[in-house]
Amino acid sequence: MGDVMTALLLALATENAELREQLASAQDMLVETAIDAGNMHALVEAMRIERDAWQEEAEQLRMRSVRSA
């Protein structure tokens, strides 16, 4: 019975160590994904600001064109 219990504990400890490694790897990937998402969000926000500026400029040009016509 002692040998069986020892083997079982060793198997459980090994599996636990493997699962901990997988969890650490998944957590690292999750952090990297969160960082990438933050960077993408900042980029999209910058693009929206630039788009809005272009739209404003286009509207001003349209208004000038209408006034001079």
C-alpha atoms as a PDB file:
ATOM      1  CA  MET A   1       0.000   0.000   0.000  1.00  0.00           C
ATOM      2  CA  GLY A   2       2.865   2.400   0.735  1.00  0.00           C
ATOM      3  CA  ASP A   3       4.361   1.999  -2.747  1.00  0.00           C
ATOM      4  CA  VAL A   4       0.998   2.596  -4.410  1.00  0.00           C
ATOM      5  CA  MET A   5       0.402   5.707  -2.308  1.00  0.00           C
ATOM      6  CA  THR A   6       3.900   7.005  -3.081  1.00  0.00           C
ATOM      7  CA  ALA A   7       3.396   6.424  -6.804  1.00  0.00           C
ATOM      8  CA  LEU A   8       0.020   8.144  -6.675  1.00  0.00           C
ATOM      9  CA  LEU A   9       1.432  11.147  -4.818  1.00  0.00           C
ATOM     10  CA  LEU A  10       4.324  11.365  -7.268  1.00  0.00           C
ATOM     11  CA  ALA A  11       1.923  11.244 -10.219  1.00  0.00           C
ATOM     12  CA  LEU A  12      -0.251  13.939  -8.671  1.00  0.00           C
ATOM     13  CA  ALA A  13       2.744  16.132  -7.900  1.00  0.00           C
ATOM     14  CA  THR A  14       4.006  15.751 -11.462  1.00  0.00           C
ATOM     15  CA  GLU A  15       0.621  16.598 -12.931  1.00  0.00           C
ATOM     16  CA  ASN A  16       0.292  19.545 -10.566  1.00  0.00           C
ATOM     17  CA  ALA A  17       3.687  20.890 -11.671  1.00  0.00           C
ATOM     18  CA  GLU A  18       2.744  20.503 -15.341  1.00  0.00           C
ATOM     19  CA  LEU A  19      -0.565  22.282 -14.781  1.00  0.00           C
ATOM     20  CA  ARG A  20       1.192  25.107 -12.953  1.00  0.00           C
ATOM     21  CA  GLU A  21       3.537  25.541 -15.928  1.00  0.00           C
ATOM     22  CA  GLN A  22       0.565  25.643 -18.312  1.00  0.00           C
ATOM     23  CA  LEU A  23      -1.189  28.171 -16.083  1.00  0.00           C
ATOM     24  CA  ALA A  24       1.900  30.396 -15.949  1.00  0.00           C
ATOM     25  CA  SER A  25       2.192  30.242 -19.726  1.00  0.00           C
ATOM     26  CA  ALA A  26      -1.493  31.092 -20.174  1.00  0.00           C
ATOM     27  CA  GLN A  27      -1.165  34.008 -17.743  1.00  0.00           C
ATOM     28  CA  ASP A  28       1.843  35.343 -19.666  1.00  0.00           C
ATOM     29  CA  MET A  29      -0.105  35.147 -22.923  1.00  0.00           C
ATOM     30  CA  LEU A  30      -3.062  36.883 -21.284  1.00  0.00           C
ATOM     31  CA  VAL A  31      -0.860  39.756 -20.084  1.00  0.00           C
ATOM     32  CA  GLU A  32       0.686  40.102 -23.552  1.00  0.00           C
ATOM     33  CA  THR A  33      -2.783  40.121 -25.113  1.00  0.00           C
ATOM     34  CA  ALA A  34      -3.962  42.784 -22.668  1.00  0.00           C
ATOM     35  CA  ILE A  35      -0.940  44.944 -23.516  1.00  0.00           C
ATOM     36  CA  ASP A  36      -1.583  44.479 -27.243  1.00  0.00           C
ATOM     37  CA  ALA A  37      -5.249  45.366 -26.747  1.00  0.00           C
ATOM     38  CA  GLY A  38      -4.277  48.532 -24.891  1.00  0.00           C
ATOM     39  CA  ASN A  39      -1.906  49.525 -27.666  1.00  0.00           C
ATOM     40  CA  MET A  40      -4.550  48.832 -30.298  1.00  0.00           C
ATOM     41  CA  HIS A  41      -7.090  50.888 -28.365  1.00  0.00           C
ATOM     42  CA  ALA A  42      -4.678  53.831 -28.212  1.00  0.00           C
ATOM     43  CA  LEU A  43      -3.996  53.519 -31.945  1.00  0.00           C
ATOM     44  CA  VAL A  44      -7.705  53.411 -32.800  1.00  0.00           C
ATOM     45  CA  GLU A  45      -8.340  56.449 -30.604  1.00  0.00           C
ATOM     46  CA  ALA A  46      -5.538  58.365 -32.339  1.00  0.00           C
ATOM     47  CA  MET A  47      -6.992  57.420 -35.712  1.00  0.00           C
ATOM     48  CA  ARG A  48     -10.451  58.616 -34.634  1.00  0.00           C
ATOM     49  CA  ILE A  49      -9.007  61.960 -33.552  1.00  0.00           C
ATOM     50  CA  GLU A  50      -7.205  62.306 -36.886  1.00  0.00           C
ATOM     51  CA  ARG A  51     -10.388  61.352 -38.773  1.00  0.00           C
ATOM     52  CA  ASP A  52     -12.385  63.931 -36.858  1.00  0.00           C
ATOM     53  CA  ALA A  53      -9.809  66.604 -37.666  1.00  0.00           C
ATOM     54  CA  TRP A  54      -9.948  65.714 -41.365  1.00  0.00           C
ATOM     55  CA  GLN A  55     -13.745  65.785 -41.305  1.00  0.00           C
ATOM     56  CA  GLU A  56     -13.695  69.194 -39.640  1.00  0.00           C
ATOM     57  CA  GLU A  57     -11.262  70.513 -42.217  1.00  0.00           C
ATOM     58  CA  ALA A  58     -13.368  69.093 -45.059  1.00  0.00           C
ATOM     59  CA  GLU A  59     -16.490  70.725 -43.611  1.00  0.00           C
ATOM     60  CA  GLN A  60     -14.719  74.092 -43.371  1.00  0.00           C
ATOM     61  CA  LEU A  61     -13.593  73.796 -46.985  1.00  0.00           C
ATOM     62  CA  ARG A  62     -17.159  72.957 -48.047  1.00  0.00           C
ATOM     63  CA  MET A  63     -18.491  75.992 -46.199  1.00  0.00           C
ATOM     64  CA  ARG A  64     -15.911  78.254 -47.877  1.00  0.00           C
ATOM     65  CA  SER A  65     -16.812  76.775 -51.237  1.00  0.00           C
ATOM     66  CA  VAL A  66     -20.531  77.401 -50.659  1.00  0.00           C
ATOM     67  CA  ARG A  67     -19.911  81.002 -49.562  1.00  0.00           C
ATOM     68  CA  SER A  68     -17.748  81.808 -52.569  1.00  0.00           C
ATOM     69  CA  ALA A  69     -20.154  80.247 -55.070  1.00  0.00           C
END
